[in-house]
mmCIF file of all heavy atoms, coordinates in Angstrom:
data_MODEL
# 
_entry.id   MODEL 
# 
loop_
_atom_site.group_PDB 
_atom_site.id 
_atom_site.type_symbol 
_atom_site.label_atom_id 
_atom_site.label_alt_id 
_atom_site.label_comp_id 
_atom_site.label_asym_id 
_atom_site.label_entity_id 
_atom_site.label_seq_id 
_atom_site.pdbx_PDB_ins_code 
_atom_site.Cartn_x 
_atom_site.Cartn_y 
_atom_site.Cartn_z 
_atom_site.occupancy 
_atom_site.B_iso_or_equiv 
_atom_site.pdbx_formal_charge 
_atom_site.auth_seq_id 
_atom_site.auth_comp_id 
_atom_site.auth_asym_id 
_atom_site.auth_atom_id 
_atom_site.pdbx_PDB_model_num 
ATOM 1   N N   . ALA A 1 1  ? 2.106  5.597  -3.037 1.00 0.00 ? 1  ALA A N   1 
ATOM 2   C CA  . ALA A 1 1  ? 2.563  5.589  -1.655 1.00 0.00 ? 1  ALA A CA  1 
ATOM 3   C C   . ALA A 1 1  ? 2.156  6.881  -0.964 1.00 0.00 ? 1  ALA A C   1 
ATOM 4   O O   . ALA A 1 1  ? 1.827  7.883  -1.611 1.00 0.00 ? 1  ALA A O   1 
ATOM 5   C CB  . ALA A 1 1  ? 4.092  5.432  -1.612 1.00 0.00 ? 1  ALA A CB  1 
ATOM 6   N N   . GLN A 1 2  ? 2.198  6.849  0.358  1.00 0.00 ? 2  GLN A N   1 
ATOM 7   C CA  . GLN A 1 2  ? 2.054  8.070  1.142  1.00 0.00 ? 2  GLN A CA  1 
ATOM 8   C C   . GLN A 1 2  ? 3.444  8.698  1.211  1.00 0.00 ? 2  GLN A C   1 
ATOM 9   O O   . GLN A 1 2  ? 4.337  8.163  1.868  1.00 0.00 ? 2  GLN A O   1 
ATOM 10  C CB  . GLN A 1 2  ? 1.542  7.748  2.542  1.00 0.00 ? 2  GLN A CB  1 
ATOM 11  C CG  . GLN A 1 2  ? 1.322  8.981  3.415  1.00 0.00 ? 2  GLN A CG  1 
ATOM 12  C CD  . GLN A 1 2  ? 0.853  8.618  4.809  1.00 0.00 ? 2  GLN A CD  1 
ATOM 13  O OE1 . GLN A 1 2  ? 0.493  7.479  5.086  1.00 0.00 ? 2  GLN A OE1 1 
ATOM 14  N NE2 . GLN A 1 2  ? 0.867  9.590  5.705  1.00 0.00 ? 2  GLN A NE2 1 
ATOM 15  N N   . VAL A 1 3  ? 3.650  9.805  0.538  1.00 0.00 ? 3  VAL A N   1 
ATOM 16  C CA  . VAL A 1 3  ? 4.998  10.347 0.376  1.00 0.00 ? 3  VAL A CA  1 
ATOM 17  C C   . VAL A 1 3  ? 5.028  11.824 0.732  1.00 0.00 ? 3  VAL A C   1 
ATOM 18  O O   . VAL A 1 3  ? 4.059  12.562 0.489  1.00 0.00 ? 3  VAL A O   1 
ATOM 19  C CB  . VAL A 1 3  ? 5.501  10.129 -1.077 1.00 0.00 ? 3  VAL A CB  1 
ATOM 20  C CG1 . VAL A 1 3  ? 4.580  10.756 -2.090 1.00 0.00 ? 3  VAL A CG1 1 
ATOM 21  C CG2 . VAL A 1 3  ? 6.932  10.612 -1.247 1.00 0.00 ? 3  VAL A CG2 1 
ATOM 22  N N   . THR A 1 4  ? 6.136  12.251 1.332  1.00 0.00 ? 4  THR A N   1 
ATOM 23  C CA  . THR A 1 4  ? 6.360  13.659 1.603  1.00 0.00 ? 4  THR A CA  1 
ATOM 24  C C   . THR A 1 4  ? 7.788  14.015 1.212  1.00 0.00 ? 4  THR A C   1 
ATOM 25  O O   . THR A 1 4  ? 8.670  13.161 1.225  1.00 0.00 ? 4  THR A O   1 
ATOM 26  C CB  . THR A 1 4  ? 6.114  13.987 3.092  1.00 0.00 ? 4  THR A CB  1 
ATOM 27  O OG1 . THR A 1 4  ? 6.147  15.402 3.282  1.00 0.00 ? 4  THR A OG1 1 
ATOM 28  C CG2 . THR A 1 4  ? 7.163  13.339 3.988  1.00 0.00 ? 4  THR A CG2 1 
ATOM 29  N N   . PHE A 1 5  ? 7.999  15.280 0.838  1.00 0.00 ? 5  PHE A N   1 
ATOM 30  C CA  . PHE A 1 5  ? 9.316  15.783 0.454  1.00 0.00 ? 5  PHE A CA  1 
ATOM 31  C C   . PHE A 1 5  ? 9.568  17.039 1.277  1.00 0.00 ? 5  PHE A C   1 
ATOM 32  O O   . PHE A 1 5  ? 8.870  18.042 1.120  1.00 0.00 ? 5  PHE A O   1 
ATOM 33  C CB  . PHE A 1 5  ? 9.353  16.074 -1.049 1.00 0.00 ? 5  PHE A CB  1 
ATOM 34  C CG  . PHE A 1 5  ? 10.636 16.677 -1.560 1.00 0.00 ? 5  PHE A CG  1 
ATOM 35  C CD1 . PHE A 1 5  ? 11.806 16.660 -0.821 1.00 0.00 ? 5  PHE A CD1 1 
ATOM 36  C CD2 . PHE A 1 5  ? 10.665 17.269 -2.817 1.00 0.00 ? 5  PHE A CD2 1 
ATOM 37  C CE1 . PHE A 1 5  ? 12.988 17.220 -1.296 1.00 0.00 ? 5  PHE A CE1 1 
ATOM 38  C CE2 . PHE A 1 5  ? 11.839 17.834 -3.321 1.00 0.00 ? 5  PHE A CE2 1 
ATOM 39  C CZ  . PHE A 1 5  ? 12.993 17.815 -2.549 1.00 0.00 ? 5  PHE A CZ  1 
ATOM 40  N N   . VAL A 1 6  ? 10.554 16.970 2.163  1.00 0.00 ? 6  VAL A N   1 
ATOM 41  C CA  . VAL A 1 6  ? 10.837 18.043 3.105  1.00 0.00 ? 6  VAL A CA  1 
ATOM 42  C C   . VAL A 1 6  ? 12.176 18.693 2.767  1.00 0.00 ? 6  VAL A C   1 
ATOM 43  O O   . VAL A 1 6  ? 13.164 17.996 2.517  1.00 0.00 ? 6  VAL A O   1 
ATOM 44  C CB  . VAL A 1 6  ? 10.883 17.489 4.548  1.00 0.00 ? 6  VAL A CB  1 
ATOM 45  C CG1 . VAL A 1 6  ? 11.295 18.580 5.533  1.00 0.00 ? 6  VAL A CG1 1 
ATOM 46  C CG2 . VAL A 1 6  ? 9.525  16.901 4.929  1.00 0.00 ? 6  VAL A CG2 1 
ATOM 47  N N   . HIS A 1 7  ? 12.203 20.014 2.767  1.00 0.00 ? 7  HIS A N   1 
ATOM 48  C CA  . HIS A 1 7  ? 13.456 20.740 2.587  1.00 0.00 ? 7  HIS A CA  1 
ATOM 49  C C   . HIS A 1 7  ? 14.051 21.074 3.951  1.00 0.00 ? 7  HIS A C   1 
ATOM 50  O O   . HIS A 1 7  ? 13.374 21.636 4.811  1.00 0.00 ? 7  HIS A O   1 
ATOM 51  C CB  . HIS A 1 7  ? 13.223 22.023 1.786  1.00 0.00 ? 7  HIS A CB  1 
ATOM 52  C CG  . HIS A 1 7  ? 13.034 21.778 0.326  1.00 0.00 ? 7  HIS A CG  1 
ATOM 53  N ND1 . HIS A 1 7  ? 11.806 21.454 -0.220 1.00 0.00 ? 7  HIS A ND1 1 
ATOM 54  C CD2 . HIS A 1 7  ? 13.924 21.780 -0.710 1.00 0.00 ? 7  HIS A CD2 1 
ATOM 55  C CE1 . HIS A 1 7  ? 11.939 21.291 -1.525 1.00 0.00 ? 7  HIS A CE1 1 
ATOM 56  N NE2 . HIS A 1 7  ? 13.205 21.474 -1.841 1.00 0.00 ? 7  HIS A NE2 1 
ATOM 57  N N   . GLU A 1 8  ? 15.306 20.704 4.129  1.00 0.00 ? 8  GLU A N   1 
ATOM 58  C CA  . GLU A 1 8  ? 16.032 20.972 5.359  1.00 0.00 ? 8  GLU A CA  1 
ATOM 59  C C   . GLU A 1 8  ? 17.045 22.098 5.100  1.00 0.00 ? 8  GLU A C   1 
ATOM 60  O O   . GLU A 1 8  ? 17.438 22.342 3.959  1.00 0.00 ? 8  GLU A O   1 
ATOM 61  C CB  . GLU A 1 8  ? 16.784 19.719 5.821  1.00 0.00 ? 8  GLU A CB  1 
ATOM 62  C CG  . GLU A 1 8  ? 15.879 18.535 6.150  1.00 0.00 ? 8  GLU A CG  1 
ATOM 63  C CD  . GLU A 1 8  ? 15.368 18.573 7.569  1.00 0.00 ? 8  GLU A CD  1 
ATOM 64  O OE1 . GLU A 1 8  ? 15.469 19.627 8.231  1.00 0.00 ? 8  GLU A OE1 1 
ATOM 65  O OE2 . GLU A 1 8  ? 14.866 17.525 8.027  1.00 0.00 ? 8  GLU A OE2 1 
ATOM 66  N N   . PRO A 1 9  ? 17.506 22.769 6.147  1.00 0.00 ? 9  PRO A N   1 
ATOM 67  C CA  . PRO A 1 9  ? 18.522 23.814 5.957  1.00 0.00 ? 9  PRO A CA  1 
ATOM 68  C C   . PRO A 1 9  ? 19.892 23.208 5.667  1.00 0.00 ? 9  PRO A C   1 
ATOM 69  O O   . PRO A 1 9  ? 20.184 22.083 6.056  1.00 0.00 ? 9  PRO A O   1 
ATOM 70  C CB  . PRO A 1 9  ? 18.526 24.545 7.309  1.00 0.00 ? 9  PRO A CB  1 
ATOM 71  C CG  . PRO A 1 9  ? 18.044 23.529 8.293  1.00 0.00 ? 9  PRO A CG  1 
ATOM 72  C CD  . PRO A 1 9  ? 17.047 22.688 7.554  1.00 0.00 ? 9  PRO A CD  1 
ATOM 73  N N   . GLY A 1 10 ? 20.718 23.963 4.956  1.00 0.00 ? 10 GLY A N   1 
ATOM 74  C CA  . GLY A 1 10 ? 22.114 23.585 4.780  1.00 0.00 ? 10 GLY A CA  1 
ATOM 75  C C   . GLY A 1 10 ? 22.395 22.684 3.603  1.00 0.00 ? 10 GLY A C   1 
ATOM 76  O O   . GLY A 1 10 ? 21.526 22.394 2.781  1.00 0.00 ? 10 GLY A O   1 
ATOM 77  N N   . GLY A 1 11 ? 23.657 22.261 3.559  1.00 0.00 ? 11 GLY A N   1 
ATOM 78  C CA  . GLY A 1 11 ? 24.127 21.417 2.476  1.00 0.00 ? 11 GLY A CA  1 
ATOM 79  C C   . GLY A 1 11 ? 23.998 19.938 2.793  1.00 0.00 ? 11 GLY A C   1 
ATOM 80  O O   . GLY A 1 11 ? 23.262 19.529 3.698  1.00 0.00 ? 11 GLY A O   1 
ATOM 81  N N   . HIS A 1 12 ? 24.771 19.142 2.065  1.00 0.00 ? 12 HIS A N   1 
ATOM 82  C CA  . HIS A 1 12 ? 24.605 17.688 2.119  1.00 0.00 ? 12 HIS A CA  1 
ATOM 83  C C   . HIS A 1 12 ? 24.933 17.090 3.486  1.00 0.00 ? 12 HIS A C   1 
ATOM 84  O O   . HIS A 1 12 ? 24.307 16.114 3.886  1.00 0.00 ? 12 HIS A O   1 
ATOM 85  C CB  . HIS A 1 12 ? 25.498 17.050 1.050  1.00 0.00 ? 12 HIS A CB  1 
ATOM 86  C CG  . HIS A 1 12 ? 25.290 15.574 0.894  1.00 0.00 ? 12 HIS A CG  1 
ATOM 87  N ND1 . HIS A 1 12 ? 24.113 15.034 0.409  1.00 0.00 ? 12 HIS A ND1 1 
ATOM 88  C CD2 . HIS A 1 12 ? 26.103 14.517 1.167  1.00 0.00 ? 12 HIS A CD2 1 
ATOM 89  C CE1 . HIS A 1 12 ? 24.214 13.713 0.376  1.00 0.00 ? 12 HIS A CE1 1 
ATOM 90  N NE2 . HIS A 1 12 ? 25.407 13.379 0.837  1.00 0.00 ? 12 HIS A NE2 1 
ATOM 91  N N   . SER A 1 13 ? 25.893 17.646 4.191  1.00 0.00 ? 13 SER A N   1 
ATOM 92  C CA  . SER A 1 13 ? 26.355 17.046 5.444  1.00 0.00 ? 13 SER A CA  1 
ATOM 93  C C   . SER A 1 13 ? 25.885 17.803 6.674  1.00 0.00 ? 13 SER A C   1 
ATOM 94  O O   . SER A 1 13 ? 26.442 17.634 7.766  1.00 0.00 ? 13 SER A O   1 
ATOM 95  C CB  . SER A 1 13 ? 27.887 16.952 5.447  1.00 0.00 ? 13 SER A CB  1 
ATOM 96  O OG  . SER A 1 13 ? 28.339 16.163 4.369  1.00 0.00 ? 13 SER A OG  1 
ATOM 97  N N   . HIS A 1 14 ? 24.860 18.626 6.532  1.00 0.00 ? 14 HIS A N   1 
ATOM 98  C CA  . HIS A 1 14 ? 24.404 19.470 7.634  1.00 0.00 ? 14 HIS A CA  1 
ATOM 99  C C   . HIS A 1 14 ? 23.357 18.754 8.480  1.00 0.00 ? 14 HIS A C   1 
ATOM 100 O O   . HIS A 1 14 ? 22.367 18.254 7.960  1.00 0.00 ? 14 HIS A O   1 
ATOM 101 C CB  . HIS A 1 14 ? 23.810 20.761 7.068  1.00 0.00 ? 14 HIS A CB  1 
ATOM 102 C CG  . HIS A 1 14 ? 23.429 21.770 8.099  1.00 0.00 ? 14 HIS A CG  1 
ATOM 103 N ND1 . HIS A 1 14 ? 24.345 22.372 8.930  1.00 0.00 ? 14 HIS A ND1 1 
ATOM 104 C CD2 . HIS A 1 14 ? 22.217 22.287 8.442  1.00 0.00 ? 14 HIS A CD2 1 
ATOM 105 C CE1 . HIS A 1 14 ? 23.737 23.224 9.723  1.00 0.00 ? 14 HIS A CE1 1 
ATOM 106 N NE2 . HIS A 1 14 ? 22.438 23.187 9.459  1.00 0.00 ? 14 HIS A NE2 1 
ATOM 107 N N   . GLN A 1 15 ? 23.611 18.649 9.790  1.00 0.00 ? 15 GLN A N   1 
ATOM 108 C CA  . GLN A 1 15 ? 22.633 18.134 10.752 1.00 0.00 ? 15 GLN A CA  1 
ATOM 109 C C   . GLN A 1 15 ? 22.029 16.790 10.326 1.00 0.00 ? 15 GLN A C   1 
ATOM 110 O O   . GLN A 1 15 ? 20.811 16.632 10.214 1.00 0.00 ? 15 GLN A O   1 
ATOM 111 C CB  . GLN A 1 15 ? 21.532 19.168 10.988 1.00 0.00 ? 15 GLN A CB  1 
ATOM 112 C CG  . GLN A 1 15 ? 22.039 20.462 11.617 1.00 0.00 ? 15 GLN A CG  1 
ATOM 113 C CD  . GLN A 1 15 ? 20.935 21.448 11.923 1.00 0.00 ? 15 GLN A CD  1 
ATOM 114 O OE1 . GLN A 1 15 ? 19.884 21.453 11.274 1.00 0.00 ? 15 GLN A OE1 1 
ATOM 115 N NE2 . GLN A 1 15 ? 21.153 22.299 12.912 1.00 0.00 ? 15 GLN A NE2 1 
ATOM 116 N N   . ILE A 1 16 ? 22.893 15.818 10.127 1.00 0.00 ? 16 ILE A N   1 
ATOM 117 C CA  . ILE A 1 16 ? 22.444 14.506 9.652  1.00 0.00 ? 16 ILE A CA  1 
ATOM 118 C C   . ILE A 1 16 ? 21.517 13.837 10.665 1.00 0.00 ? 16 ILE A C   1 
ATOM 119 O O   . ILE A 1 16 ? 20.471 13.292 10.302 1.00 0.00 ? 16 ILE A O   1 
ATOM 120 C CB  . ILE A 1 16 ? 23.645 13.603 9.341  1.00 0.00 ? 16 ILE A CB  1 
ATOM 121 C CG1 . ILE A 1 16 ? 24.475 14.217 8.216  1.00 0.00 ? 16 ILE A CG1 1 
ATOM 122 C CG2 . ILE A 1 16 ? 23.185 12.201 8.958  1.00 0.00 ? 16 ILE A CG2 1 
ATOM 123 C CD1 . ILE A 1 16 ? 25.789 13.506 7.958  1.00 0.00 ? 16 ILE A CD1 1 
ATOM 124 N N   . ALA A 1 17 ? 21.891 13.866 11.943 1.00 0.00 ? 17 ALA A N   1 
ATOM 125 C CA  . ALA A 1 17 ? 21.054 13.228 12.962 1.00 0.00 ? 17 ALA A CA  1 
ATOM 126 C C   . ALA A 1 17 ? 19.670 13.857 13.015 1.00 0.00 ? 17 ALA A C   1 
ATOM 127 O O   . ALA A 1 17 ? 18.655 13.153 13.163 1.00 0.00 ? 17 ALA A O   1 
ATOM 128 C CB  . ALA A 1 17 ? 21.737 13.319 14.329 1.00 0.00 ? 17 ALA A CB  1 
ATOM 129 N N   . GLN A 1 18 ? 19.610 15.168 12.890 1.00 0.00 ? 18 GLN A N   1 
ATOM 130 C CA  . GLN A 1 18 ? 18.313 15.842 12.899 1.00 0.00 ? 18 GLN A CA  1 
ATOM 131 C C   . GLN A 1 18 ? 17.459 15.399 11.721 1.00 0.00 ? 18 GLN A C   1 
ATOM 132 O O   . GLN A 1 18 ? 16.252 15.168 11.855 1.00 0.00 ? 18 GLN A O   1 
ATOM 133 C CB  . GLN A 1 18 ? 18.504 17.364 12.866 1.00 0.00 ? 18 GLN A CB  1 
ATOM 134 C CG  . GLN A 1 18 ? 18.973 17.958 14.182 1.00 0.00 ? 18 GLN A CG  1 
ATOM 135 C CD  . GLN A 1 18 ? 20.487 17.935 14.339 1.00 0.00 ? 18 GLN A CD  1 
ATOM 136 O OE1 . GLN A 1 18 ? 21.180 17.171 13.649 1.00 0.00 ? 18 GLN A OE1 1 
ATOM 137 N NE2 . GLN A 1 18 ? 20.997 18.761 15.223 1.00 0.00 ? 18 GLN A NE2 1 
ATOM 138 N N   . ARG A 1 19 ? 18.077 15.284 10.555 1.00 0.00 ? 19 ARG A N   1 
ATOM 139 C CA  . ARG A 1 19 ? 17.323 14.857 9.370  1.00 0.00 ? 19 ARG A CA  1 
ATOM 140 C C   . ARG A 1 19 ? 16.781 13.440 9.541  1.00 0.00 ? 19 ARG A C   1 
ATOM 141 O O   . ARG A 1 19 ? 15.631 13.158 9.183  1.00 0.00 ? 19 ARG A O   1 
ATOM 142 C CB  . ARG A 1 19 ? 18.207 14.959 8.126  1.00 0.00 ? 19 ARG A CB  1 
ATOM 143 C CG  . ARG A 1 19 ? 18.602 16.390 7.796  1.00 0.00 ? 19 ARG A CG  1 
ATOM 144 C CD  . ARG A 1 19 ? 19.480 16.463 6.561  1.00 0.00 ? 19 ARG A CD  1 
ATOM 145 N NE  . ARG A 1 19 ? 19.961 17.832 6.355  1.00 0.00 ? 19 ARG A NE  1 
ATOM 146 C CZ  . ARG A 1 19 ? 20.628 18.230 5.283  1.00 0.00 ? 19 ARG A CZ  1 
ATOM 147 N NH1 . ARG A 1 19 ? 20.897 17.372 4.312  1.00 0.00 ? 19 ARG A NH1 1 
ATOM 148 N NH2 . ARG A 1 19 ? 21.025 19.488 5.166  1.00 0.00 ? 19 ARG A NH2 1 
ATOM 149 N N   . LEU A 1 20 ? 17.609 12.560 10.083 1.00 0.00 ? 20 LEU A N   1 
ATOM 150 C CA  . LEU A 1 20 ? 17.158 11.186 10.301 1.00 0.00 ? 20 LEU A CA  1 
ATOM 151 C C   . LEU A 1 20 ? 16.049 11.131 11.342 1.00 0.00 ? 20 LEU A C   1 
ATOM 152 O O   . LEU A 1 20 ? 15.076 10.377 11.188 1.00 0.00 ? 20 LEU A O   1 
ATOM 153 C CB  . LEU A 1 20 ? 18.336 10.318 10.739 1.00 0.00 ? 20 LEU A CB  1 
ATOM 154 C CG  . LEU A 1 20 ? 19.435 10.085 9.696  1.00 0.00 ? 20 LEU A CG  1 
ATOM 155 C CD1 . LEU A 1 20 ? 20.612 9.359  10.322 1.00 0.00 ? 20 LEU A CD1 1 
ATOM 156 C CD2 . LEU A 1 20 ? 18.904 9.287  8.501  1.00 0.00 ? 20 LEU A CD2 1 
ATOM 157 N N   . SER A 1 21 ? 16.169 11.931 12.399 1.00 0.00 ? 21 SER A N   1 
ATOM 158 C CA  . SER A 1 21 ? 15.127 11.926 13.436 1.00 0.00 ? 21 SER A CA  1 
ATOM 159 C C   . SER A 1 21 ? 13.812 12.483 12.895 1.00 0.00 ? 21 SER A C   1 
ATOM 160 O O   . SER A 1 21 ? 12.729 11.996 13.254 1.00 0.00 ? 21 SER A O   1 
ATOM 161 C CB  . SER A 1 21 ? 15.586 12.717 14.660 1.00 0.00 ? 21 SER A CB  1 
ATOM 162 O OG  . SER A 1 21 ? 15.752 14.089 14.367 1.00 0.00 ? 21 SER A OG  1 
ATOM 163 N N   . HIS A 1 22 ? 13.875 13.476 12.015 1.00 0.00 ? 22 HIS A N   1 
ATOM 164 C CA  . HIS A 1 22 ? 12.650 13.985 11.391 1.00 0.00 ? 22 HIS A CA  1 
ATOM 165 C C   . HIS A 1 22 ? 11.974 12.902 10.550 1.00 0.00 ? 22 HIS A C   1 
ATOM 166 O O   . HIS A 1 22 ? 10.741 12.765 10.567 1.00 0.00 ? 22 HIS A O   1 
ATOM 167 C CB  . HIS A 1 22 ? 12.975 15.194 10.504 1.00 0.00 ? 22 HIS A CB  1 
ATOM 168 C CG  . HIS A 1 22 ? 13.475 16.382 11.259 1.00 0.00 ? 22 HIS A CG  1 
ATOM 169 N ND1 . HIS A 1 22 ? 14.142 17.435 10.657 1.00 0.00 ? 22 HIS A ND1 1 
ATOM 170 C CD2 . HIS A 1 22 ? 13.406 16.703 12.580 1.00 0.00 ? 22 HIS A CD2 1 
ATOM 171 C CE1 . HIS A 1 22 ? 14.474 18.326 11.563 1.00 0.00 ? 22 HIS A CE1 1 
ATOM 172 N NE2 . HIS A 1 22 ? 14.042 17.918 12.739 1.00 0.00 ? 22 HIS A NE2 1 
ATOM 173 N N   . ALA A 1 23 ? 12.783 12.136 9.825  1.00 0.00 ? 23 ALA A N   1 
ATOM 174 C CA  . ALA A 1 23 ? 12.231 11.055 9.008  1.00 0.00 ? 23 ALA A CA  1 
ATOM 175 C C   . ALA A 1 23 ? 11.561 10.007 9.888  1.00 0.00 ? 23 ALA A C   1 
ATOM 176 O O   . ALA A 1 23 ? 10.444 9.547  9.596  1.00 0.00 ? 23 ALA A O   1 
ATOM 177 C CB  . ALA A 1 23 ? 13.340 10.432 8.168  1.00 0.00 ? 23 ALA A CB  1 
ATOM 178 N N   . LEU A 1 24 ? 12.236 9.607  10.962 1.00 0.00 ? 24 LEU A N   1 
ATOM 179 C CA  . LEU A 1 24 ? 11.676 8.588  11.847 1.00 0.00 ? 24 LEU A CA  1 
ATOM 180 C C   . LEU A 1 24 ? 10.379 9.067  12.491 1.00 0.00 ? 24 LEU A C   1 
ATOM 181 O O   . LEU A 1 24 ? 9.410  8.319  12.609 1.00 0.00 ? 24 LEU A O   1 
ATOM 182 C CB  . LEU A 1 24 ? 12.693 8.235  12.934 1.00 0.00 ? 24 LEU A CB  1 
ATOM 183 C CG  . LEU A 1 24 ? 13.740 7.202  12.538 1.00 0.00 ? 24 LEU A CG  1 
ATOM 184 C CD1 . LEU A 1 24 ? 14.799 7.067  13.626 1.00 0.00 ? 24 LEU A CD1 1 
ATOM 185 C CD2 . LEU A 1 24 ? 13.075 5.839  12.293 1.00 0.00 ? 24 LEU A CD2 1 
ATOM 186 N N   . ALA A 1 25 ? 10.372 10.329 12.924 1.00 0.00 ? 25 ALA A N   1 
ATOM 187 C CA  . ALA A 1 25 ? 9.164  10.861 13.554 1.00 0.00 ? 25 ALA A CA  1 
ATOM 188 C C   . ALA A 1 25 ? 7.976  10.808 12.595 1.00 0.00 ? 25 ALA A C   1 
ATOM 189 O O   . ALA A 1 25 ? 6.855  10.482 12.996 1.00 0.00 ? 25 ALA A O   1 
ATOM 190 C CB  . ALA A 1 25 ? 9.416  12.280 14.036 1.00 0.00 ? 25 ALA A CB  1 
# 
């Protein structure tokens, strides 16, 4: 597959909407 692994700041519950929007983009 075409796969990427991105590290985001913070713990498990930090900036959930931002993480989802990054994935969608």
